[in-house]
Amino acid sequence: MGWRGTLVLAALVVIAGAFFLLGPKPPLELPDTTLLGEPRFINPETPSPRLLDFDPAQVESITLGYRDEVVTVARQGDTWRGAADPRPLDDFLRSMQEATRISSIEEQSPLADFGLDTPARRVLLERTHGPSVVLLIGDRNPAGTSVYVRAGEGPVAIAGALIQWEFDKAFSAVTGRKSPL
């Protein structure tokens, strides 16, 4: 390359540098949602909406369904009658009460798309006051970090995969088997 080529290359570098320094600036703010519609930022001061609305102290019976098997335990004083190991059940109720909805799925899709047409895991909480609480736990999301859930007849929502783990732990405590899987 001769002196002319070097001069042209240097001129192009100067023009490109001037464009980046003086040209249009990209927006400094990112949109609130990603391309997939998920929230980009979570404000720690704004609490996430609860998935279920109930007081664990008012639950008098827990019915857990896993595939074709259904087990029920009833509160008797400070313990749970009918459970092989009643200790984890109060923790299960607190976890269900504190579970939050990551997002709701507003589009109309068949429940089968989320594993909620015949969900493998079902929770029914009978309360002393108020209506029963129903939670259907469907499939995991493609990343495996959360699960599709449906509280009662409400919309399909996404919740943390911890709900599935808590269910399995409670089901094991009631039946005395290691895992429902």
Protein backbone atom coordinates (compact mmCIF):
# COMPACT_ATOMS: atom_id res chain seq x y z
CA MET A 1 0.00 0.00 0.00
CA GLY A 2 1.41 3.38 -0.97
CA TRP A 3 1.18 6.76 0.70
CA ARG A 4 -2.17 7.43 -1.00
CA GLY A 5 -3.74 4.28 0.48
CA THR A 6 -2.44 5.17 3.91
CA LEU A 7 -3.85 8.69 3.58
CA VAL A 8 -7.29 7.36 2.54
CA LEU A 9 -7.29 4.88 5.44
CA ALA A 10 -6.35 7.62 7.93
CA ALA A 11 -9.12 9.86 6.55
CA LEU A 12 -11.67 7.04 7.02
CA VAL A 13 -10.54 6.52 10.61
CA VAL A 14 -10.92 10.26 11.34
CA ILE A 15 -14.41 10.33 9.77
CA ALA A 16 -15.56 7.23 11.70
CA GLY A 17 -14.19 8.64 14.97
CA ALA A 18 -15.97 11.96 14.38
CA PHE A 19 -19.24 10.11 13.67
CA PHE A 20 -19.04 8.15 16.93
CA LEU A 21 -18.11 11.22 18.98
CA LEU A 22 -20.48 13.73 17.39
CA GLY A 23 -23.17 11.53 15.84
CA PRO A 24 -26.59 10.60 17.27
CA LYS A 25 -26.51 9.13 20.76
CA PRO A 26 -28.46 5.95 21.62
CA PRO A 27 -31.23 6.35 24.19
CA LEU A 28 -29.98 6.08 27.75
CA GLU A 29 -33.15 4.46 29.08
CA LEU A 30 -34.07 0.88 28.31
CA PRO A 31 -37.70 -0.10 27.78
CA ASP A 32 -39.52 -1.55 30.81
CA THR A 33 -40.00 -4.92 29.12
CA THR A 34 -37.78 -7.25 27.13
CA LEU A 35 -38.55 -8.39 23.61
CA LEU A 36 -40.44 -11.34 25.13
CA GLY A 37 -42.67 -9.04 27.23
CA GLU A 38 -41.04 -9.93 30.56
CA PRO A 39 -40.29 -7.14 33.01
CA ARG A 40 -36.74 -5.87 32.58
CA PHE A 41 -36.42 -4.32 36.00
CA ILE A 42 -37.91 -5.34 39.31
CA ASN A 43 -38.31 -2.54 41.80
CA PRO A 44 -37.35 -3.87 45.25
CA GLU A 45 -39.64 -1.33 46.89
CA THR A 46 -42.68 -2.63 45.03
CA PRO A 47 -43.65 -6.04 46.39
CA SER A 48 -44.46 -8.75 43.89
CA PRO A 49 -48.10 -9.83 43.89
CA ARG A 50 -48.85 -12.90 45.98
CA LEU A 51 -49.93 -15.99 44.12
CA LEU A 52 -52.40 -17.11 46.82
CA ASP A 53 -54.31 -15.12 49.42
CA PHE A 54 -54.78 -17.07 52.66
CA ASP A 55 -53.71 -17.24 56.29
CA PRO A 56 -51.80 -20.48 57.07
CA ALA A 57 -53.26 -20.54 60.61
CA GLN A 58 -56.78 -20.87 59.13
CA VAL A 59 -56.00 -23.93 57.00
CA GLU A 60 -57.70 -26.95 58.51
CA SER A 61 -56.87 -29.53 55.82
CA ILE A 62 -54.40 -29.95 52.97
CA THR A 63 -55.16 -32.15 49.99
CA LEU A 64 -52.28 -32.89 47.65
CA GLY A 65 -52.78 -34.60 44.34
CA TYR A 66 -49.93 -36.05 42.33
CA ARG A 67 -51.04 -37.65 39.07
CA ASP A 68 -53.67 -40.24 40.12
CA GLU A 69 -52.80 -40.28 43.83
CA VAL A 70 -54.59 -37.94 46.25
CA VAL A 71 -53.68 -37.60 49.93
CA THR A 72 -55.34 -35.46 52.60
CA VAL A 73 -54.16 -34.41 56.04
CA ALA A 74 -56.16 -32.51 58.66
CA ARG A 75 -55.00 -30.15 61.36
CA GLN A 76 -55.47 -31.49 64.85
CA GLY A 77 -54.24 -28.96 67.38
CA ASP A 78 -50.61 -28.21 66.59
CA THR A 79 -50.01 -31.22 64.35
CA TRP A 80 -51.29 -32.73 61.13
CA ARG A 81 -53.28 -35.99 61.37
CA GLY A 82 -52.66 -38.43 58.54
CA ALA A 83 -49.09 -37.38 57.70
CA ALA A 84 -46.10 -39.69 57.98
CA ASP A 85 -43.98 -36.66 58.99
CA PRO A 86 -46.09 -33.59 59.87
CA ARG A 87 -43.14 -31.24 60.55
CA PRO A 88 -42.68 -29.83 56.99
CA LEU A 89 -46.37 -29.05 56.44
CA ASP A 90 -46.42 -25.72 58.30
CA ASP A 91 -43.36 -24.66 56.29
CA PHE A 92 -45.18 -25.74 53.13
CA LEU A 93 -48.14 -23.49 54.01
CA ARG A 94 -45.86 -20.52 54.71
CA SER A 95 -44.06 -21.10 51.41
CA MET A 96 -47.38 -21.22 49.55
CA GLN A 97 -48.52 -18.03 51.28
CA GLU A 98 -45.29 -16.20 50.40
CA ALA A 99 -45.13 -17.46 46.79
CA THR A 100 -45.26 -14.63 44.29
CA ARG A 101 -46.46 -14.39 40.75
CA ILE A 102 -43.56 -13.53 38.45
CA SER A 103 -45.91 -12.67 35.61
CA SER A 104 -49.33 -13.51 34.21
CA ILE A 105 -49.95 -14.89 30.76
CA GLU A 106 -52.66 -12.77 29.24
CA GLU A 107 -52.87 -14.40 25.81
CA GLN A 108 -55.51 -17.05 25.34
CA SER A 109 -53.72 -20.37 24.89
CA PRO A 110 -54.97 -23.87 25.64
CA LEU A 111 -54.19 -25.00 29.18
CA ALA A 112 -52.44 -28.04 27.68
CA ASP A 113 -49.68 -25.71 26.43
CA PHE A 114 -48.72 -25.12 30.06
CA GLY A 115 -49.37 -28.60 31.46
CA LEU A 116 -52.48 -27.33 33.25
CA ASP A 117 -55.22 -29.26 31.43
CA THR A 118 -54.50 -32.30 33.64
CA PRO A 119 -51.81 -30.98 36.00
CA ALA A 120 -49.57 -33.54 37.67
CA ARG A 121 -49.55 -31.54 40.94
CA ARG A 122 -52.62 -30.09 42.64
CA VAL A 123 -53.09 -28.36 46.00
CA LEU A 124 -56.39 -27.83 47.83
CA LEU A 125 -56.39 -25.92 51.11
CA GLU A 126 -59.62 -26.03 53.13
CA ARG A 127 -59.92 -23.04 55.47
CA THR A 128 -61.96 -22.48 58.61
CA HIS A 129 -63.23 -19.17 57.20
CA GLY A 130 -63.56 -18.35 53.54
CA PRO A 131 -63.47 -20.34 50.35
CA SER A 132 -61.01 -23.12 49.62
CA VAL A 133 -57.71 -22.29 47.97
CA VAL A 134 -56.83 -24.25 44.84
CA LEU A 135 -53.45 -24.23 43.10
CA LEU A 136 -52.65 -26.19 39.95
CA ILE A 137 -48.96 -26.66 39.19
CA GLY A 138 -48.14 -27.34 35.54
CA ASP A 139 -44.98 -27.78 33.50
CA ARG A 140 -41.70 -25.97 33.96
CA ASN A 141 -40.87 -23.15 31.61
CA PRO A 142 -38.35 -23.94 28.84
CA ALA A 143 -35.44 -22.65 30.95
CA GLY A 144 -36.54 -24.80 33.92
CA THR A 145 -36.38 -21.86 36.32
CA SER A 146 -40.10 -21.45 36.91
CA VAL A 147 -43.39 -23.28 36.55
CA TYR A 148 -46.77 -22.49 35.07
CA VAL A 149 -49.45 -22.27 37.74
CA ARG A 150 -53.11 -21.44 38.01
CA ALA A 151 -54.77 -20.30 41.22
CA GLY A 152 -58.40 -21.40 41.15
CA GLU A 153 -60.06 -20.29 37.95
CA GLY A 154 -57.64 -17.38 37.51
CA PRO A 155 -55.29 -16.77 34.62
CA VAL A 156 -52.21 -18.84 33.95
CA ALA A 157 -49.23 -17.37 35.76
CA ILE A 158 -45.53 -18.01 36.07
CA ALA A 159 -44.09 -18.68 39.53
CA GLY A 160 -40.69 -19.79 40.76
CA ALA A 161 -39.82 -23.47 40.43
CA LEU A 162 -39.49 -23.55 44.21
CA ILE A 163 -43.25 -24.18 44.36
CA GLN A 164 -42.78 -27.54 42.65
CA TRP A 165 -39.97 -28.46 45.06
CA GLU A 166 -42.10 -27.44 48.08
CA PHE A 167 -44.98 -29.54 46.78
CA ASP A 168 -42.74 -32.59 46.35
CA LYS A 169 -41.35 -32.11 49.87
CA ALA A 170 -44.86 -31.85 51.37
CA PHE A 171 -46.13 -34.84 49.37
CA SER A 172 -43.17 -36.89 50.62
CA ALA A 173 -43.88 -35.80 54.20
CA VAL A 174 -47.49 -36.93 53.93
CA THR A 175 -46.89 -40.25 52.18
CA GLY A 176 -43.57 -41.19 53.79
CA ARG A 177 -41.99 -41.80 50.35
CA LYS A 178 -38.86 -39.97 49.27
CA SER A 179 -40.34 -38.21 46.23
CA PRO A 180 -43.53 -38.38 44.18
CA LEU A 181 -41.48 -38.83 41.02
